[in-house]
C-alpha atoms as a PDB file:
ATOM      1  CA  MET A   1       0.000   0.000   0.000  1.00  0.00           C
ATOM      2  CA  GLY A   2       1.313   3.408  -0.892  1.00  0.00           C
ATOM      3  CA  ALA A   3      -0.687   6.394   0.292  1.00  0.00           C
ATOM      4  CA  LEU A   4      -4.294   7.487   0.665  1.00  0.00           C
ATOM      5  CA  GLU A   5      -5.458  10.422  -1.394  1.00  0.00           C
ATOM      6  CA  LEU A   6      -7.255  12.905   0.851  1.00  0.00           C
ATOM      7  CA  SER A   7     -10.045  15.252  -0.175  1.00  0.00           C
ATOM      8  CA  GLN A   8     -12.289  17.755   1.530  1.00  0.00           C
ATOM      9  CA  TYR A   9     -15.832  18.868   0.818  1.00  0.00           C
ATOM     10  CA  ASP A  10     -16.256  22.195  -0.983  1.00  0.00           C
ATOM     11  CA  SER A  11     -19.680  23.565  -0.072  1.00  0.00           C
ATOM     12  CA  ASN A  12     -19.482  26.031  -3.002  1.00  0.00           C
ATOM     13  CA  THR A  13     -19.227  23.315  -5.659  1.00  0.00           C
ATOM     14  CA  GLY A  14     -20.822  20.436  -3.763  1.00  0.00           C
ATOM     15  CA  LYS A  15     -17.838  18.232  -4.616  1.00  0.00           C
ATOM     16  CA  LEU A  16     -14.822  16.764  -2.881  1.00  0.00           C
ATOM     17  CA  SER A  17     -11.526  18.307  -3.902  1.00  0.00           C
ATOM     18  CA  TYR A  18      -8.044  16.864  -3.512  1.00  0.00           C
ATOM     19  CA  VAL A  19      -5.983  18.102  -0.536  1.00  0.00           C
ATOM     20  CA  GLN A  20      -2.932  15.829  -0.251  1.00  0.00           C
ATOM     21  CA  ASN A  21      -1.739  12.248   0.230  1.00  0.00           C
ATOM     22  CA  VAL A  22      -1.010  10.509   3.532  1.00  0.00           C
ATOM     23  CA  GLY A  23       1.251   7.487   3.664  1.00  0.00           C
ATOM     24  CA  GLY A  24       2.382   7.370   7.283  1.00  0.00           C
ATOM     25  CA  GLY A  25       0.798   6.146  10.491  1.00  0.00           C
ATOM     26  CA  PHE A  26      -0.478   2.807   9.188  1.00  0.00           C
ATOM     27  CA  THR A  27       0.109  -0.331  11.224  1.00  0.00           C
ATOM     28  CA  ASP A  28       0.651  -3.677   9.514  1.00  0.00           C
ATOM     29  CA  ALA A  29      -2.943  -4.565  10.452  1.00  0.00           C
ATOM     30  CA  ASP A  30      -4.200  -1.306   8.860  1.00  0.00           C
ATOM     31  CA  ARG A  31      -2.341  -2.038   5.661  1.00  0.00           C
ATOM     32  CA  GLU A  32      -3.664  -5.615   5.561  1.00  0.00           C
ATOM     33  CA  TRP A  33      -7.230  -4.344   6.076  1.00  0.00           C
ATOM     34  CA  TRP A  34      -6.868  -1.844   3.214  1.00  0.00           C
ATOM     35  CA  TRP A  35      -5.520  -4.516   0.863  1.00  0.00           C
ATOM     36  CA  GLU A  36      -8.351  -6.902   1.719  1.00  0.00           C
ATOM     37  CA  ASN A  37     -11.220  -4.382   1.747  1.00  0.00           C
ATOM     38  CA  PHE A  38     -10.376  -1.544  -0.612  1.00  0.00           C
ATOM     39  CA  PRO A  39     -12.242  -3.046  -3.616  1.00  0.00           C
ATOM     40  CA  LEU A  40     -15.426  -2.844  -1.497  1.00  0.00           C
ATOM     41  CA  HIS A  41     -15.148   0.929  -1.147  1.00  0.00           C
ATOM     42  CA  ALA A  42     -15.897   3.339  -3.938  1.00  0.00           C
ATOM     43  CA  PRO A  43     -13.665   6.403  -4.242  1.00  0.00           C
ATOM     44  CA  ASN A  44     -14.690   9.250  -1.933  1.00  0.00           C
ATOM     45  CA  SER A  45     -16.725   6.945   0.287  1.00  0.00           C
ATOM     46  CA  MET A  46     -14.556   6.823   3.427  1.00  0.00           C
ATOM     47  CA  VAL A  47     -13.645   9.379   6.030  1.00  0.00           C
ATOM     48  CA  VAL A  48     -10.327   9.136   7.841  1.00  0.00           C
ATOM     49  CA  LEU A  49      -8.813  11.094  10.703  1.00  0.00           C
ATOM     50  CA  VAL A  50      -5.340  12.466   9.994  1.00  0.00           C
ATOM     51  CA  ARG A  51      -3.006  14.646  12.047  1.00  0.00           C
ATOM     52  CA  GLY A  52       0.047  16.635  11.099  1.00  0.00           C
ATOM     53  CA  LYS A  53       2.851  18.641  12.630  1.00  0.00           C
ATOM     54  CA  GLY A  54       1.595  22.017  11.467  1.00  0.00           C
ATOM     55  CA  ARG A  55       0.500  23.317   8.075  1.00  0.00           C
ATOM     56  CA  PHE A  56       2.103  24.765   5.008  1.00  0.00           C
ATOM     57  CA  ALA A  57       0.892  28.197   3.884  1.00  0.00           C
ATOM     58  CA  GLU A  58      -1.483  26.618   1.317  1.00  0.00           C
ATOM     59  CA  GLY A  59      -3.123  24.499   4.045  1.00  0.00           C
ATOM     60  CA  ALA A  60      -1.573  21.054   3.492  1.00  0.00           C
ATOM     61  CA  LEU A  61      -0.447  19.239   6.641  1.00  0.00           C
ATOM     62  CA  ARG A  62       3.235  18.834   7.410  1.00  0.00           C
ATOM     63  CA  HIS A  63       4.130  15.166   7.957  1.00  0.00           C
ATOM     64  CA  PRO A  64       0.541  13.866   7.732  1.00  0.00           C
ATOM     65  CA  GLU A  65      -0.170  10.711   9.720  1.00  0.00           C
ATOM     66  CA  PHE A  66      -3.183   8.390   9.428  1.00  0.00           C
ATOM     67  CA  LEU A  67      -4.979   7.862  12.751  1.00  0.00           C
ATOM     68  CA  ARG A  68      -8.182   5.945  12.024  1.00  0.00           C
ATOM     69  CA  ILE A  69     -11.272   5.526   9.874  1.00  0.00           C
ATOM     70  CA  ARG A  70     -14.276   7.626  10.937  1.00  0.00           C
ATOM     71  CA  THR A  71     -17.422   5.554  10.430  1.00  0.00           C
ATOM     72  CA  ASP A  72     -19.514   8.246  12.132  1.00  0.00           C
ATOM     73  CA  LYS A  73     -18.871  10.858   9.413  1.00  0.00           C
ATOM     74  CA  LEU A  74     -19.872  11.303   5.774  1.00  0.00           C
ATOM     75  CA  PRO A  75     -17.573  12.712   3.068  1.00  0.00           C
ATOM     76  CA  THR A  76     -19.717  15.875   3.022  1.00  0.00           C
ATOM     77  CA  ASP A  77     -18.738  16.418   6.676  1.00  0.00           C
ATOM     78  CA  CYS A  78     -15.061  16.763   5.681  1.00  0.00           C
ATOM     79  CA  ILE A  79     -14.520  20.479   5.766  1.00  0.00           C
ATOM     80  CA  LEU A  80     -10.937  21.600   6.320  1.00  0.00           C
ATOM     81  CA  LYS A  81     -10.482  22.689   9.911  1.00  0.00           C
ATOM     82  CA  ARG A  82      -8.343  25.807  10.035  1.00  0.00           C
ATOM     83  CA  THR A  83      -6.277  26.284  13.154  1.00  0.00           C
ATOM     84  CA  SER A  84      -4.306  29.261  14.363  1.00  0.00           C
ATOM     85  CA  ARG A  85      -0.588  29.130  13.714  1.00  0.00           C
END
């Protein structure tokens, strides 16, 4: 498994737009689950929680790290959370 492609919901267009990739933070069990289950999931159908060590000026996370899948959220709930620097 390489990296997950992350998107966020744009309420102006009603579509998900690409933000960045995340390839770190996966355990061996996570990677095995993705390999076994990914064909069951259509693109843009999963929500994941990711953290980073700050942000670049354009908003992308520095050193993004996968934390977990969020089964309690929909893709339309994925609005970029801006934090103070």
